[in-house]
């Protein structure tokens, strides 16, 4: 069964733009190098807050675990860790036709 993540990250003031840029780079890389990554979209709320969101879909739990364990995920976390004040992740089963 496919698994989806809904991520909401609250950021330190003034870091939303560089964070979103780095997250978009990370998303593009994941879609390029991870065969189990089906979708990775970056979203910015229209309210203009210091929040950035993402919607990710992986083939299954193993693909998601491989994503979390990857070297490029560790590099991304190191790059953005100081920008984040709070992170909320909802792990969901994707209901498919």
PDB file of N, CA and C in Angstrom:
ATOM      1  N   UNK A   1       0.837  -1.179   0.000  1.00  0.00           N
ATOM      2  CA  UNK A   1       0.000   0.000   0.000  1.00  0.00           C
ATOM      3  C   UNK A   1       0.882   1.242   0.000  1.00  0.00           C
ATOM      4  N   UNK A   2       0.528   2.201  -0.833  1.00  0.00           N
ATOM      5  CA  UNK A   2       1.272   3.458  -0.903  1.00  0.00           C
ATOM      6  C   UNK A   2       1.081   4.238   0.400  1.00  0.00           C
ATOM      7  N   UNK A   3       2.108   4.976   0.750  1.00  0.00           N
ATOM      8  CA  UNK A   3       2.080   5.778   1.964  1.00  0.00           C
ATOM      9  C   UNK A   3       2.347   7.239   1.596  1.00  0.00           C
ATOM     10  N   UNK A   4       1.639   8.130   2.271  1.00  0.00           N
ATOM     11  CA  UNK A   4       1.789   9.567   2.004  1.00  0.00           C
ATOM     12  C   UNK A   4       2.178  10.278   3.286  1.00  0.00           C
ATOM     13  N   UNK A   5       2.908  11.357   3.121  1.00  0.00           N
ATOM     14  CA  UNK A   5       3.250  12.233   4.235  1.00  0.00           C
ATOM     15  C   UNK A   5       2.675  13.606   3.972  1.00  0.00           C
ATOM     16  N   UNK A   6       2.107  14.186   5.008  1.00  0.00           N
ATOM     17  CA  UNK A   6       1.711  15.583   4.970  1.00  0.00           C
ATOM     18  C   UNK A   6       2.564  16.267   6.031  1.00  0.00           C
ATOM     19  N   UNK A   7       3.429  17.140   5.584  1.00  0.00           N
ATOM     20  CA  UNK A   7       4.411  17.790   6.440  1.00  0.00           C
ATOM     21  C   UNK A   7       4.069  19.267   6.574  1.00  0.00           C
ATOM     22  N   UNK A   8       4.111  19.776   7.811  1.00  0.00           N
ATOM     23  CA  UNK A   8       3.956  21.205   8.055  1.00  0.00           C
ATOM     24  C   UNK A   8       5.105  21.654   8.946  1.00  0.00           C
ATOM     25  N   UNK A   9       5.892  22.596   8.446  1.00  0.00           N
ATOM     26  CA  UNK A   9       7.076  23.063   9.155  1.00  0.00           C
ATOM     27  C   UNK A   9       6.894  24.539   9.508  1.00  0.00           C
ATOM     28  N   UNK A  10       7.053  24.849  10.782  1.00  0.00           N
ATOM     29  CA  UNK A  10       7.057  26.238  11.237  1.00  0.00           C
ATOM     30  C   UNK A  10       8.508  26.666  11.340  1.00  0.00           C
ATOM     31  N   UNK A  11       8.785  27.848  10.798  1.00  0.00           N
ATOM     32  CA  UNK A  11      10.172  28.298  10.654  1.00  0.00           C
ATOM     33  C   UNK A  11      10.455  29.555  11.458  1.00  0.00           C
ATOM     34  N   UNK A  12      11.726  29.753  11.710  1.00  0.00           N
ATOM     35  CA  UNK A  12      12.155  31.000  12.336  1.00  0.00           C
ATOM     36  C   UNK A  12      11.815  32.148  11.383  1.00  0.00           C
ATOM     37  N   UNK A  13      11.430  33.283  11.922  1.00  0.00           N
ATOM     38  CA  UNK A  13      11.083  34.424  11.054  1.00  0.00           C
ATOM     39  C   UNK A  13      12.195  34.729  10.048  1.00  0.00           C
ATOM     40  N   UNK A  14      11.755  34.961   8.815  1.00  0.00           N
ATOM     41  CA  UNK A  14      12.686  35.328   7.752  1.00  0.00           C
ATOM     42  C   UNK A  14      13.361  34.171   7.045  1.00  0.00           C
ATOM     43  N   UNK A  15      13.042  32.934   7.422  1.00  0.00           N
ATOM     44  CA  UNK A  15      13.723  31.791   6.798  1.00  0.00           C
ATOM     45  C   UNK A  15      12.833  31.007   5.836  1.00  0.00           C
ATOM     46  N   UNK A  16      11.574  31.422   5.662  1.00  0.00           N
ATOM     47  CA  UNK A  16      10.657  30.654   4.817  1.00  0.00           C
ATOM     48  C   UNK A  16      11.152  30.549   3.376  1.00  0.00           C
ATOM     49  N   UNK A  17      11.648  31.634   2.823  1.00  0.00           N
ATOM     50  CA  UNK A  17      12.092  31.601   1.427  1.00  0.00           C
ATOM     51  C   UNK A  17      13.297  30.684   1.222  1.00  0.00           C
ATOM     52  N   UNK A  18      14.376  30.822   2.019  1.00  0.00           N
ATOM     53  CA  UNK A  18      15.502  29.896   1.813  1.00  0.00           C
ATOM     54  C   UNK A  18      15.143  28.450   2.160  1.00  0.00           C
ATOM     55  N   UNK A  19      14.271  28.260   3.139  1.00  0.00           N
ATOM     56  CA  UNK A  19      13.849  26.898   3.465  1.00  0.00           C
ATOM     57  C   UNK A  19      13.084  26.285   2.292  1.00  0.00           C
ATOM     58  N   UNK A  20      12.116  27.026   1.753  1.00  0.00           N
ATOM     59  CA  UNK A  20      11.326  26.507   0.632  1.00  0.00           C
ATOM     60  C   UNK A  20      12.207  26.204  -0.570  1.00  0.00           C
ATOM     61  N   UNK A  21      13.204  27.041  -0.816  1.00  0.00           N
ATOM     62  CA  UNK A  21      14.123  26.801  -1.929  1.00  0.00           C
ATOM     63  C   UNK A  21      14.878  25.494  -1.716  1.00  0.00           C
ATOM     64  N   UNK A  22      15.377  25.274  -0.503  1.00  0.00           N
ATOM     65  CA  UNK A  22      16.132  24.049  -0.210  1.00  0.00           C
ATOM     66  C   UNK A  22      15.216  22.833  -0.248  1.00  0.00           C
ATOM     67  N   UNK A  23      13.974  22.983   0.226  1.00  0.00           N
ATOM     68  CA  UNK A  23      13.033  21.876   0.191  1.00  0.00           C
ATOM     69  C   UNK A  23      12.655  21.524  -1.247  1.00  0.00           C
ATOM     70  N   UNK A  24      12.516  22.524  -2.112  1.00  0.00           N
ATOM     71  CA  UNK A  24      12.225  22.246  -3.527  1.00  0.00           C
ATOM     72  C   UNK A  24      13.380  21.492  -4.173  1.00  0.00           C
ATOM     73  N   UNK A  25      14.619  21.862  -3.845  1.00  0.00           N
ATOM     74  CA  UNK A  25      15.786  21.133  -4.356  1.00  0.00           C
ATOM     75  C   UNK A  25      15.761  19.685  -3.867  1.00  0.00           C
ATOM     76  N   UNK A  26      15.457  19.518  -2.596  1.00  0.00           N
ATOM     77  CA  UNK A  26      15.380  18.178  -2.003  1.00  0.00           C
ATOM     78  C   UNK A  26      14.285  17.355  -2.684  1.00  0.00           C
ATOM     79  N   UNK A  27      13.130  17.956  -2.906  1.00  0.00           N
ATOM     80  CA  UNK A  27      12.011  17.257  -3.556  1.00  0.00           C
ATOM     81  C   UNK A  27      12.400  16.798  -4.957  1.00  0.00           C
ATOM     82  N   UNK A  28      13.009  17.687  -5.728  1.00  0.00           N
ATOM     83  CA  UNK A  28      13.419  17.336  -7.088  1.00  0.00           C
ATOM     84  C   UNK A  28      14.429  16.193  -7.068  1.00  0.00           C
ATOM     85  N   UNK A  29      15.351  16.236  -6.134  1.00  0.00           N
ATOM     86  CA  UNK A  29      16.354  15.184  -6.023  1.00  0.00           C
ATOM     87  C   UNK A  29      15.706  13.852  -5.640  1.00  0.00           C
ATOM     88  N   UNK A  30      14.779  13.890  -4.693  1.00  0.00           N
ATOM     89  CA  UNK A  30      14.102  12.655  -4.276  1.00  0.00           C
ATOM     90  C   UNK A  30      13.361  12.025  -5.444  1.00  0.00           C
ATOM     91  N   UNK A  31      12.642  12.827  -6.212  1.00  0.00           N
ATOM     92  CA  UNK A  31      11.904  12.293  -7.362  1.00  0.00           C
ATOM     93  C   UNK A  31      12.852  11.733  -8.416  1.00  0.00           C
ATOM     94  N   UNK A  32      14.047  12.311  -8.503  1.00  0.00           N
ATOM     95  CA  UNK A  32      15.018  11.876  -9.510  1.00  0.00           C
ATOM     96  C   UNK A  32      15.743  10.593  -9.103  1.00  0.00           C
ATOM     97  N   UNK A  33      16.136  10.471  -7.833  1.00  0.00           N
ATOM     98  CA  UNK A  33      17.007   9.354  -7.432  1.00  0.00           C
ATOM     99  C   UNK A  33      16.311   8.249  -6.639  1.00  0.00           C
ATOM    100  N   UNK A  34      15.099   8.490  -6.159  1.00  0.00           N
ATOM    101  CA  UNK A  34      14.400   7.473  -5.382  1.00  0.00           C
ATOM    102  C   UNK A  34      13.295   6.840  -6.229  1.00  0.00           C
ATOM    103  N   UNK A  35      13.473   5.598  -6.654  1.00  0.00           N
ATOM    104  CA  UNK A  35      12.442   4.977  -7.493  1.00  0.00           C
ATOM    105  C   UNK A  35      11.095   4.846  -6.788  1.00  0.00           C
ATOM    106  N   UNK A  36      11.084   4.809  -5.456  1.00  0.00           N
ATOM    107  CA  UNK A  36       9.837   4.661  -4.716  1.00  0.00           C
ATOM    108  C   UNK A  36       9.128   5.959  -4.396  1.00  0.00           C
ATOM    109  N   UNK A  37       9.718   7.093  -4.779  1.00  0.00           N
ATOM    110  CA  UNK A  37       9.096   8.398  -4.528  1.00  0.00           C
ATOM    111  C   UNK A  37       8.209   8.751  -5.716  1.00  0.00           C
ATOM    112  N   UNK A  38       6.916   8.715  -5.523  1.00  0.00           N
ATOM    113  CA  UNK A  38       5.964   8.991  -6.592  1.00  0.00           C
ATOM    114  C   UNK A  38       5.681  10.480  -6.763  1.00  0.00           C
ATOM    115  N   UNK A  39       5.640  11.188  -5.638  1.00  0.00           N
ATOM    116  CA  UNK A  39       5.245  12.596  -5.681  1.00  0.00           C
ATOM    117  C   UNK A  39       5.871  13.313  -4.497  1.00  0.00           C
ATOM    118  N   UNK A  40       6.260  14.569  -4.722  1.00  0.00           N
ATOM    119  CA  UNK A  40       6.827  15.380  -3.635  1.00  0.00           C
ATOM    120  C   UNK A  40       6.560  16.828  -4.008  1.00  0.00           C
ATOM    121  N   UNK A  41       5.523  17.395  -3.423  1.00  0.00           N
ATOM    122  CA  UNK A  41       5.123  18.765  -3.721  1.00  0.00           C
ATOM    123  C   UNK A  41       5.399  19.663  -2.521  1.00  0.00           C
ATOM    124  N   UNK A  42       5.881  20.863  -2.793  1.00  0.00           N
ATOM    125  CA  UNK A  42       6.133  21.864  -1.764  1.00  0.00           C
ATOM    126  C   UNK A  42       5.027  22.906  -1.853  1.00  0.00           C
ATOM    127  N   UNK A  43       4.452  23.237  -0.706  1.00  0.00           N
ATOM    128  CA  UNK A  43       3.334  24.175  -0.652  1.00  0.00           C
ATOM    129  C   UNK A  43       3.630  25.301   0.331  1.00  0.00           C
ATOM    130  N   UNK A  44       3.208  26.506  -0.026  1.00  0.00           N
ATOM    131  CA  UNK A  44       3.363  27.658   0.857  1.00  0.00           C
ATOM    132  C   UNK A  44       1.967  28.231   1.100  1.00  0.00           C
ATOM    133  N   UNK A  45       1.527  28.311   2.366  1.00  0.00           N
ATOM    134  CA  UNK A  45       0.204  28.855   2.655  1.00  0.00           C
ATOM    135  C   UNK A  45       0.044  30.282   2.121  1.00  0.00           C
ATOM    136  N   UNK A  46      -1.135  30.590   1.647  1.00  0.00           N
ATOM    137  CA  UNK A  46      -1.407  31.920   1.104  1.00  0.00           C
ATOM    138  C   UNK A  46      -1.377  33.006   2.167  1.00  0.00           C
ATOM    139  N   UNK A  47      -1.511  32.639   3.417  1.00  0.00           N
ATOM    140  CA  UNK A  47      -1.487  33.625   4.489  1.00  0.00           C
ATOM    141  C   UNK A  47      -0.137  34.316   4.628  1.00  0.00           C
ATOM    142  N   UNK A  48       0.903  33.751   4.032  1.00  0.00           N
ATOM    143  CA  UNK A  48       2.219  34.367   4.098  1.00  0.00           C
ATOM    144  C   UNK A  48       2.905  34.200   5.438  1.00  0.00           C
ATOM    145  N   UNK A  49       2.569  33.149   6.153  1.00  0.00           N
ATOM    146  CA  UNK A  49       3.163  32.898   7.463  1.00  0.00           C
ATOM    147  C   UNK A  49       4.557  32.291   7.302  1.00  0.00           C
ATOM    148  N   UNK A  50       5.185  32.030   8.418  1.00  0.00           N
ATOM    149  CA  UNK A  50       6.493  31.371   8.419  1.00  0.00           C
ATOM    150  C   UNK A  50       6.293  29.853   8.446  1.00  0.00           C
ATOM    151  N   UNK A  51       5.465  29.381   7.539  1.00  0.00           N
ATOM    152  CA  UNK A  51       5.142  27.961   7.448  1.00  0.00           C
ATOM    153  C   UNK A  51       5.341  27.493   6.009  1.00  0.00           C
ATOM    154  N   UNK A  52       5.908  26.309   5.862  1.00  0.00           N
ATOM    155  CA  UNK A  52       6.028  25.652   4.562  1.00  0.00           C
ATOM    156  C   UNK A  52       5.525  24.235   4.751  1.00  0.00           C
ATOM    157  N   UNK A  53       4.815  23.728   3.746  1.00  0.00           N
ATOM    158  CA  UNK A  53       4.243  22.387   3.814  1.00  0.00           C
ATOM    159  C   UNK A  53       4.758  21.543   2.650  1.00  0.00           C
ATOM    160  N   UNK A  54       4.605  20.234   2.800  1.00  0.00           N
ATOM    161  CA  UNK A  54       4.949  19.316   1.712  1.00  0.00           C
ATOM    162  C   UNK A  54       3.964  18.162   1.714  1.00  0.00           C
ATOM    163  N   UNK A  55       3.737  17.616   0.522  1.00  0.00           N
ATOM    164  CA  UNK A  55       2.921  16.432   0.340  1.00  0.00           C
ATOM    165  C   UNK A  55       3.779  15.443  -0.437  1.00  0.00           C
ATOM    166  N   UNK A  56       4.008  14.277   0.163  1.00  0.00           N
ATOM    167  CA  UNK A  56       4.892  13.280  -0.428  1.00  0.00           C
ATOM    168  C   UNK A  56       4.166  11.946  -0.532  1.00  0.00           C
ATOM    169  N   UNK A  57       4.422  11.212  -1.598  1.00  0.00           N
ATOM    170  CA  UNK A  57       3.834   9.878  -1.768  1.00  0.00           C
ATOM    171  C   UNK A  57       4.949   8.904  -2.131  1.00  0.00           C
ATOM    172  N   UNK A  58       4.955   7.760  -1.428  1.00  0.00           N
ATOM    173  CA  UNK A  58       5.942   6.705  -1.652  1.00  0.00           C
ATOM    174  C   UNK A  58       5.221   5.395  -1.944  1.00  0.00           C
ATOM    175  N   UNK A  59       5.872   4.522  -2.695  1.00  0.00           N
ATOM    176  CA  UNK A  59       5.269   3.253  -3.104  1.00  0.00           C
ATOM    177  C   UNK A  59       4.773   2.426  -1.919  1.00  0.00           C
ATOM    178  N   UNK A  60       5.556   2.418  -0.839  1.00  0.00           N
ATOM    179  CA  UNK A  60       5.218   1.599   0.324  1.00  0.00           C
ATOM    180  C   UNK A  60       6.080   2.038   1.499  1.00  0.00           C
ATOM    181  N   UNK A  61       5.911   1.368   2.631  1.00  0.00           N
ATOM    182  CA  UNK A  61       6.669   1.716   3.832  1.00  0.00           C
ATOM    183  C   UNK A  61       8.180   1.564   3.617  1.00  0.00           C
ATOM    184  N   UNK A  62       8.580   0.544   2.860  1.00  0.00           N
ATOM    185  CA  UNK A  62      10.011   0.335   2.603  1.00  0.00           C
ATOM    186  C   UNK A  62      10.609   1.505   1.824  1.00  0.00           C
ATOM    187  N   UNK A  63       9.866   2.035   0.857  1.00  0.00           N
ATOM    188  CA  UNK A  63      10.358   3.191   0.087  1.00  0.00           C
ATOM    189  C   UNK A  63      10.478   4.419   0.975  1.00  0.00           C
ATOM    190  N   UNK A  64       9.532   4.598   1.880  1.00  0.00           N
ATOM    191  CA  UNK A  64       9.605   5.733   2.807  1.00  0.00           C
ATOM    192  C   UNK A  64      10.777   5.579   3.764  1.00  0.00           C
ATOM    193  N   UNK A  65      10.973   4.389   4.282  1.00  0.00           N
ATOM    194  CA  UNK A  65      12.101   4.142   5.188  1.00  0.00           C
ATOM    195  C   UNK A  65      13.434   4.374   4.466  1.00  0.00           C
ATOM    196  N   UNK A  66      13.524   3.961   3.203  1.00  0.00           N
ATOM    197  CA  UNK A  66      14.735   4.202   2.414  1.00  0.00           C
ATOM    198  C   UNK A  66      14.961   5.698   2.223  1.00  0.00           C
ATOM    199  N   UNK A  67      13.882   6.437   2.004  1.00  0.00           N
ATOM    200  CA  UNK A  67      13.967   7.900   1.878  1.00  0.00           C
ATOM    201  C   UNK A  67      14.553   8.498   3.147  1.00  0.00           C
ATOM    202  N   UNK A  68      13.990   8.123   4.302  1.00  0.00           N
ATOM    203  CA  UNK A  68      14.445   8.684   5.574  1.00  0.00           C
ATOM    204  C   UNK A  68      15.897   8.323   5.876  1.00  0.00           C
ATOM    205  N   UNK A  69      16.360   7.174   5.415  1.00  0.00           N
ATOM    206  CA  UNK A  69      17.720   6.715   5.715  1.00  0.00           C
ATOM    207  C   UNK A  69      18.757   7.192   4.707  1.00  0.00           C
ATOM    208  N   UNK A  70      18.322   7.847   3.635  1.00  0.00           N
ATOM    209  CA  UNK A  70      19.243   8.211   2.552  1.00  0.00           C
ATOM    210  C   UNK A  70      20.240   9.296   2.960  1.00  0.00           C
ATOM    211  N   UNK A  71      21.367   9.286   2.296  1.00  0.00           N
ATOM    212  CA  UNK A  71      22.383  10.311   2.542  1.00  0.00           C
ATOM    213  C   UNK A  71      21.862  11.698   2.189  1.00  0.00           C
ATOM    214  N   UNK A  72      21.078  11.808   1.094  1.00  0.00           N
ATOM    215  CA  UNK A  72      20.585  13.128   0.711  1.00  0.00           C
ATOM    216  C   UNK A  72      19.551  13.655   1.705  1.00  0.00           C
ATOM    217  N   UNK A  73      18.838  12.760   2.401  1.00  0.00           N
ATOM    218  CA  UNK A  73      17.913  13.208   3.454  1.00  0.00           C
ATOM    219  C   UNK A  73      18.699  13.749   4.637  1.00  0.00           C
ATOM    220  N   UNK A  74      19.777  13.094   4.971  1.00  0.00           N
ATOM    221  CA  UNK A  74      20.611  13.566   6.089  1.00  0.00           C
ATOM    222  C   UNK A  74      21.232  14.924   5.756  1.00  0.00           C
ATOM    223  N   UNK A  75      21.658  15.115   4.513  1.00  0.00           N
ATOM    224  CA  UNK A  75      22.219  16.399   4.091  1.00  0.00           C
ATOM    225  C   UNK A  75      21.165  17.499   4.150  1.00  0.00           C
ATOM    226  N   UNK A  76      19.954  17.202   3.687  1.00  0.00           N
ATOM    227  CA  UNK A  76      18.853  18.167   3.745  1.00  0.00           C
ATOM    228  C   UNK A  76      18.582  18.565   5.195  1.00  0.00           C
ATOM    229  N   UNK A  77      18.467  17.592   6.080  1.00  0.00           N
ATOM    230  CA  UNK A  77      18.197  17.890   7.495  1.00  0.00           C
ATOM    231  C   UNK A  77      19.293  18.760   8.105  1.00  0.00           C
ATOM    232  N   UNK A  78      20.539  18.478   7.757  1.00  0.00           N
ATOM    233  CA  UNK A  78      21.646  19.291   8.272  1.00  0.00           C
ATOM    234  C   UNK A  78      21.555  20.726   7.764  1.00  0.00           C
ATOM    235  N   UNK A  79      21.144  20.896   6.511  1.00  0.00           N
ATOM    236  CA  UNK A  79      21.049  22.231   5.909  1.00  0.00           C
ATOM    237  C   UNK A  79      19.935  23.076   6.511  1.00  0.00           C
ATOM    238  N   UNK A  80      18.818  22.467   6.892  1.00  0.00           N
ATOM    239  CA  UNK A  80      17.645  23.244   7.315  1.00  0.00           C
ATOM    240  C   UNK A  80      17.354  23.183   8.804  1.00  0.00           C
ATOM    241  N   UNK A  81      18.057  22.361   9.529  1.00  0.00           N
ATOM    242  CA  UNK A  81      17.750  22.143  10.944  1.00  0.00           C
ATOM    243  C   UNK A  81      17.656  23.408  11.773  1.00  0.00           C
ATOM    244  N   UNK A  82      18.536  24.359  11.549  1.00  0.00           N
ATOM    245  CA  UNK A  82      18.548  25.596  12.335  1.00  0.00           C
ATOM    246  C   UNK A  82      17.392  26.535  11.984  1.00  0.00           C
ATOM    247  N   UNK A  83      16.731  26.300  10.858  1.00  0.00           N
ATOM    248  CA  UNK A  83      15.622  27.160  10.429  1.00  0.00           C
ATOM    249  C   UNK A  83      14.291  26.768  11.075  1.00  0.00           C
ATOM    250  N   UNK A  84      14.186  25.533  11.551  1.00  0.00           N
ATOM    251  CA  UNK A  84      12.917  24.963  11.978  1.00  0.00           C
ATOM    252  C   UNK A  84      12.667  25.191  13.463  1.00  0.00           C
ATOM    253  N   UNK A  85      11.440  25.666  13.775  1.00  0.00           N
ATOM    254  CA  UNK A  85      11.033  25.773  15.178  1.00  0.00           C
ATOM    255  C   UNK A  85      10.055  24.659  15.558  1.00  0.00           C
ATOM    256  N   UNK A  86       9.310  24.148  14.591  1.00  0.00           N
ATOM    257  CA  UNK A  86       8.374  23.057  14.857  1.00  0.00           C
ATOM    258  C   UNK A  86       8.116  22.294  13.555  1.00  0.00           C
ATOM    259  N   UNK A  87       7.925  20.996  13.686  1.00  0.00           N
ATOM    260  CA  UNK A  87       7.651  20.162  12.509  1.00  0.00           C
ATOM    261  C   UNK A  87       6.551  19.184  12.874  1.00  0.00           C
ATOM    262  N   UNK A  88       5.549  19.122  12.017  1.00  0.00           N
ATOM    263  CA  UNK A  88       4.440  18.191  12.215  1.00  0.00           C
ATOM    264  C   UNK A  88       4.343  17.301  10.981  1.00  0.00           C
ATOM    265  N   UNK A  89       4.374  15.994  11.201  1.00  0.00           N
ATOM    266  CA  UNK A  89       4.308  15.037  10.099  1.00  0.00           C
ATOM    267  C   UNK A  89       3.119  14.111  10.335  1.00  0.00           C
ATOM    268  N   UNK A  90       2.250  14.023   9.350  1.00  0.00           N
ATOM    269  CA  UNK A  90       1.150  13.062   9.372  1.00  0.00           C
ATOM    270  C   UNK A  90       1.460  11.985   8.346  1.00  0.00           C
ATOM    271  N   UNK A  91       1.599  10.752   8.819  1.00  0.00           N
ATOM    272  CA  UNK A  91       1.848   9.609   7.946  1.00  0.00           C
ATOM    273  C   UNK A  91       0.495   8.973   7.644  1.00  0.00           C
ATOM    274  N   UNK A  92       0.185   8.813   6.373  1.00  0.00           N
ATOM    275  CA  UNK A  92      -1.148   8.370   5.945  1.00  0.00           C
ATOM    276  C   UNK A  92      -1.045   7.210   4.962  1.00  0.00           C
ATOM    277  N   UNK A  93      -2.048   6.356   4.983  1.00  0.00           N
ATOM    278  CA  UNK A  93      -2.193   5.356   3.920  1.00  0.00           C
ATOM    279  C   UNK A  93      -2.884   6.053   2.754  1.00  0.00           C
ATOM    280  N   UNK A  94      -2.386   5.852   1.562  1.00  0.00           N
ATOM    281  CA  UNK A  94      -2.996   6.437   0.367  1.00  0.00           C
ATOM    282  C   UNK A  94      -4.066   5.478  -0.147  1.00  0.00           C
ATOM    283  N   UNK A  95      -5.281   5.952  -0.228  1.00  0.00           N
ATOM    284  CA  UNK A  95      -6.380   5.134  -0.743  1.00  0.00           C
ATOM    285  C   UNK A  95      -6.412   5.322  -2.244  1.00  0.00           C
ATOM    286  N   UNK A  96      -6.155   4.231  -2.960  1.00  0.00           N
ATOM    287  CA  UNK A  96      -6.093   4.282  -4.418  1.00  0.00           C
ATOM    288  C   UNK A  96      -7.236   3.488  -5.019  1.00  0.00           C
ATOM    289  N   UNK A  97      -7.616   3.860  -6.245  1.00  0.00           N
ATOM    290  CA  UNK A  97      -8.693   3.134  -6.948  1.00  0.00           C
ATOM    291  C   UNK A  97      -8.243   1.753  -7.341  1.00  0.00           C
TER     292      UNK A  97
END
